[in-house]
Amino acid sequence: MANFFFFTDPSLLDAQLASQAFGPAGTSAGKDLFRITDVHTSTSTNLPAVAICDGVLCAQEDDQGALTLILKPSQTPPFEPPVVSYFIHKGVAKTSLLNGDQILGVVVA
């Protein structure tokens, strides 16, 4: 079985609203809506977001200089349902991962 770990500093997160939670999200134009992700917000400018698993990582820089990290696990996550093929983290500050030419906090095993 694959090991997957996700964490941050929960004391820096704002209280999650019901409309931001995974699951049923009301209706629109007579159709039921379902949120397939959780949304967590923070007013902190230094909020760590960490996902750990074996896989392939791709980083893309946007026009504002923030990164989008795309993580493709090498094994199927043990989640029931939905099946997860990729984890996507948007708006990651480059300074939280890079210091000049050094990559911070990355462990390759």
C-alpha atoms as a PDB file:
ATOM      1  CA  MET A   1       0.000   0.000   0.000  1.00  0.00           C
ATOM      2  CA  ALA A   2       1.237   3.486  -0.861  1.00  0.00           C
ATOM      3  CA  ASN A   3       1.903   6.068   1.834  1.00  0.00           C
ATOM      4  CA  PHE A   4       0.448   9.537   1.308  1.00  0.00           C
ATOM      5  CA  PHE A   5       0.879  12.449   3.690  1.00  0.00           C
ATOM      6  CA  PHE A   6      -0.570  15.973   3.459  1.00  0.00           C
ATOM      7  CA  PHE A   7      -0.093  18.676   6.013  1.00  0.00           C
ATOM      8  CA  THR A   8       0.231  22.361   6.759  1.00  0.00           C
ATOM      9  CA  ASP A   9       0.075  24.508   9.864  1.00  0.00           C
ATOM     10  CA  PRO A  10      -3.669  24.335  10.640  1.00  0.00           C
ATOM     11  CA  SER A  11      -3.461  27.274  13.041  1.00  0.00           C
ATOM     12  CA  LEU A  12      -2.761  29.530  10.014  1.00  0.00           C
ATOM     13  CA  LEU A  13      -5.896  28.435   8.103  1.00  0.00           C
ATOM     14  CA  ASP A  14      -9.109  30.441   8.132  1.00  0.00           C
ATOM     15  CA  ALA A  15     -12.242  28.608   9.248  1.00  0.00           C
ATOM     16  CA  GLN A  16     -13.583  26.643   6.288  1.00  0.00           C
ATOM     17  CA  LEU A  17     -17.043  27.641   5.093  1.00  0.00           C
ATOM     18  CA  ALA A  18     -19.615  24.966   4.201  1.00  0.00           C
ATOM     19  CA  SER A  19     -19.487  26.185   0.582  1.00  0.00           C
ATOM     20  CA  GLN A  20     -15.742  25.367   0.474  1.00  0.00           C
ATOM     21  CA  ALA A  21     -16.010  21.755   1.647  1.00  0.00           C
ATOM     22  CA  PHE A  22     -15.683  18.601  -0.430  1.00  0.00           C
ATOM     23  CA  GLY A  23     -19.081  17.160  -1.317  1.00  0.00           C
ATOM     24  CA  PRO A  24     -22.548  18.375  -2.301  1.00  0.00           C
ATOM     25  CA  ALA A  25     -22.460  22.038  -3.358  1.00  0.00           C
ATOM     26  CA  GLY A  26     -26.115  22.874  -4.010  1.00  0.00           C
ATOM     27  CA  THR A  27     -27.762  23.216  -7.382  1.00  0.00           C
ATOM     28  CA  SER A  28     -27.444  25.494 -10.396  1.00  0.00           C
ATOM     29  CA  ALA A  29     -29.840  25.648 -13.355  1.00  0.00           C
ATOM     30  CA  GLY A  30     -31.660  22.582 -11.999  1.00  0.00           C
ATOM     31  CA  LYS A  31     -28.487  20.472 -11.828  1.00  0.00           C
ATOM     32  CA  ASP A  32     -26.898  19.136  -8.659  1.00  0.00           C
ATOM     33  CA  LEU A  33     -23.345  20.355  -8.043  1.00  0.00           C
ATOM     34  CA  PHE A  34     -20.544  18.473  -6.293  1.00  0.00           C
ATOM     35  CA  ARG A  35     -17.268  20.040  -5.173  1.00  0.00           C
ATOM     36  CA  ILE A  36     -14.415  17.618  -5.951  1.00  0.00           C
ATOM     37  CA  THR A  37     -11.861  19.459  -3.788  1.00  0.00           C
ATOM     38  CA  ASP A  38     -11.668  21.179  -0.439  1.00  0.00           C
ATOM     39  CA  VAL A  39     -10.872  24.893  -0.437  1.00  0.00           C
ATOM     40  CA  HIS A  40      -8.770  26.252   2.391  1.00  0.00           C
ATOM     41  CA  THR A  41      -7.910  29.930   2.638  1.00  0.00           C
ATOM     42  CA  SER A  42      -5.518  31.865   4.815  1.00  0.00           C
ATOM     43  CA  THR A  43      -4.658  35.480   5.403  1.00  0.00           C
ATOM     44  CA  SER A  44      -1.113  34.359   6.256  1.00  0.00           C
ATOM     45  CA  THR A  45       1.514  35.125   3.621  1.00  0.00           C
ATOM     46  CA  ASN A  46       3.756  32.295   4.801  1.00  0.00           C
ATOM     47  CA  LEU A  47       1.527  29.212   4.837  1.00  0.00           C
ATOM     48  CA  PRO A  48       3.361  25.932   4.202  1.00  0.00           C
ATOM     49  CA  ALA A  49       1.638  23.318   2.044  1.00  0.00           C
ATOM     50  CA  VAL A  50       3.233  19.892   1.905  1.00  0.00           C
ATOM     51  CA  ALA A  51       2.300  16.707   0.050  1.00  0.00           C
ATOM     52  CA  ILE A  52       4.514  13.656   0.299  1.00  0.00           C
ATOM     53  CA  CYS A  53       4.321  10.547  -1.852  1.00  0.00           C
ATOM     54  CA  ASP A  54       6.361   8.767  -4.493  1.00  0.00           C
ATOM     55  CA  GLY A  55       5.736  10.233  -7.921  1.00  0.00           C
ATOM     56  CA  VAL A  56       6.615  12.753 -10.591  1.00  0.00           C
ATOM     57  CA  LEU A  57       6.523  16.489  -9.870  1.00  0.00           C
ATOM     58  CA  CYS A  58       6.066  19.280 -12.413  1.00  0.00           C
ATOM     59  CA  ALA A  59       6.276  22.987 -11.531  1.00  0.00           C
ATOM     60  CA  GLN A  60       4.919  25.772 -13.745  1.00  0.00           C
ATOM     61  CA  GLU A  61       5.361  29.496 -13.075  1.00  0.00           C
ATOM     62  CA  ASP A  62       2.402  31.825 -13.700  1.00  0.00           C
ATOM     63  CA  ASP A  63       2.421  35.506 -14.755  1.00  0.00           C
ATOM     64  CA  GLN A  64       2.544  36.675 -11.116  1.00  0.00           C
ATOM     65  CA  GLY A  65       5.618  34.565 -10.288  1.00  0.00           C
ATOM     66  CA  ALA A  66       3.723  31.953  -8.253  1.00  0.00           C
ATOM     67  CA  LEU A  67       4.061  28.244  -8.960  1.00  0.00           C
ATOM     68  CA  THR A  68       1.550  25.567  -9.816  1.00  0.00           C
ATOM     69  CA  LEU A  69       2.794  22.183  -8.626  1.00  0.00           C
ATOM     70  CA  ILE A  70       1.438  19.069 -10.301  1.00  0.00           C
ATOM     71  CA  LEU A  71       2.176  15.807  -8.506  1.00  0.00           C
ATOM     72  CA  LYS A  72       1.443  12.491 -10.246  1.00  0.00           C
ATOM     73  CA  PRO A  73       1.642   9.651  -7.707  1.00  0.00           C
ATOM     74  CA  SER A  74       3.540   6.534  -8.801  1.00  0.00           C
ATOM     75  CA  GLN A  75       0.862   4.394  -7.090  1.00  0.00           C
ATOM     76  CA  THR A  76      -2.898   4.791  -6.880  1.00  0.00           C
ATOM     77  CA  PRO A  77      -3.798   6.630  -3.661  1.00  0.00           C
ATOM     78  CA  PRO A  78      -5.872   4.546  -1.242  1.00  0.00           C
ATOM     79  CA  PHE A  79      -8.838   6.926  -1.384  1.00  0.00           C
ATOM     80  CA  GLU A  80     -12.401   5.716  -1.897  1.00  0.00           C
ATOM     81  CA  PRO A  81     -13.904   7.566  -3.935  1.00  0.00           C
ATOM     82  CA  PRO A  82     -12.825   9.511  -5.930  1.00  0.00           C
ATOM     83  CA  VAL A  83      -9.779   8.035  -7.647  1.00  0.00           C
ATOM     84  CA  VAL A  84      -7.005  10.633  -7.658  1.00  0.00           C
ATOM     85  CA  SER A  85      -4.648  10.805 -10.639  1.00  0.00           C
ATOM     86  CA  TYR A  86      -2.937  14.140  -9.866  1.00  0.00           C
ATOM     87  CA  PHE A  87      -2.568  16.536  -6.947  1.00  0.00           C
ATOM     88  CA  ILE A  88      -2.457  20.190  -8.008  1.00  0.00           C
ATOM     89  CA  HIS A  89      -1.309  23.003  -5.725  1.00  0.00           C
ATOM     90  CA  LYS A  90      -1.800  26.502  -7.176  1.00  0.00           C
ATOM     91  CA  GLY A  91      -0.344  29.793  -6.000  1.00  0.00           C
ATOM     92  CA  VAL A  92       2.736  28.357  -4.267  1.00  0.00           C
ATOM     93  CA  ALA A  93       5.330  31.052  -3.538  1.00  0.00           C
ATOM     94  CA  LYS A  94       8.653  30.277  -5.226  1.00  0.00           C
ATOM     95  CA  THR A  95      10.484  31.483  -2.121  1.00  0.00           C
ATOM     96  CA  SER A  96       8.864  28.652  -0.138  1.00  0.00           C
ATOM     97  CA  LEU A  97      10.676  26.128  -2.350  1.00  0.00           C
ATOM     98  CA  LEU A  98      13.705  27.904  -3.790  1.00  0.00           C
ATOM     99  CA  ASN A  99      16.559  29.925  -2.318  1.00  0.00           C
ATOM    100  CA  GLY A 100      18.642  31.061  -5.253  1.00  0.00           C
ATOM    101  CA  ASP A 101      19.708  27.827  -6.901  1.00  0.00           C
ATOM    102  CA  GLN A 102      18.924  25.661  -3.850  1.00  0.00           C
ATOM    103  CA  ILE A 103      15.698  23.662  -3.522  1.00  0.00           C
ATOM    104  CA  LEU A 104      14.381  23.923   0.040  1.00  0.00           C
ATOM    105  CA  GLY A 105      12.726  21.097   1.936  1.00  0.00           C
ATOM    106  CA  VAL A 106      12.909  18.485  -0.834  1.00  0.00           C
ATOM    107  CA  VAL A 107      13.948  14.998   0.179  1.00  0.00           C
ATOM    108  CA  VAL A 108      14.660  12.445  -2.531  1.00  0.00           C
ATOM    109  CA  ALA A 109      14.710   8.879  -1.264  1.00  0.00           C
END
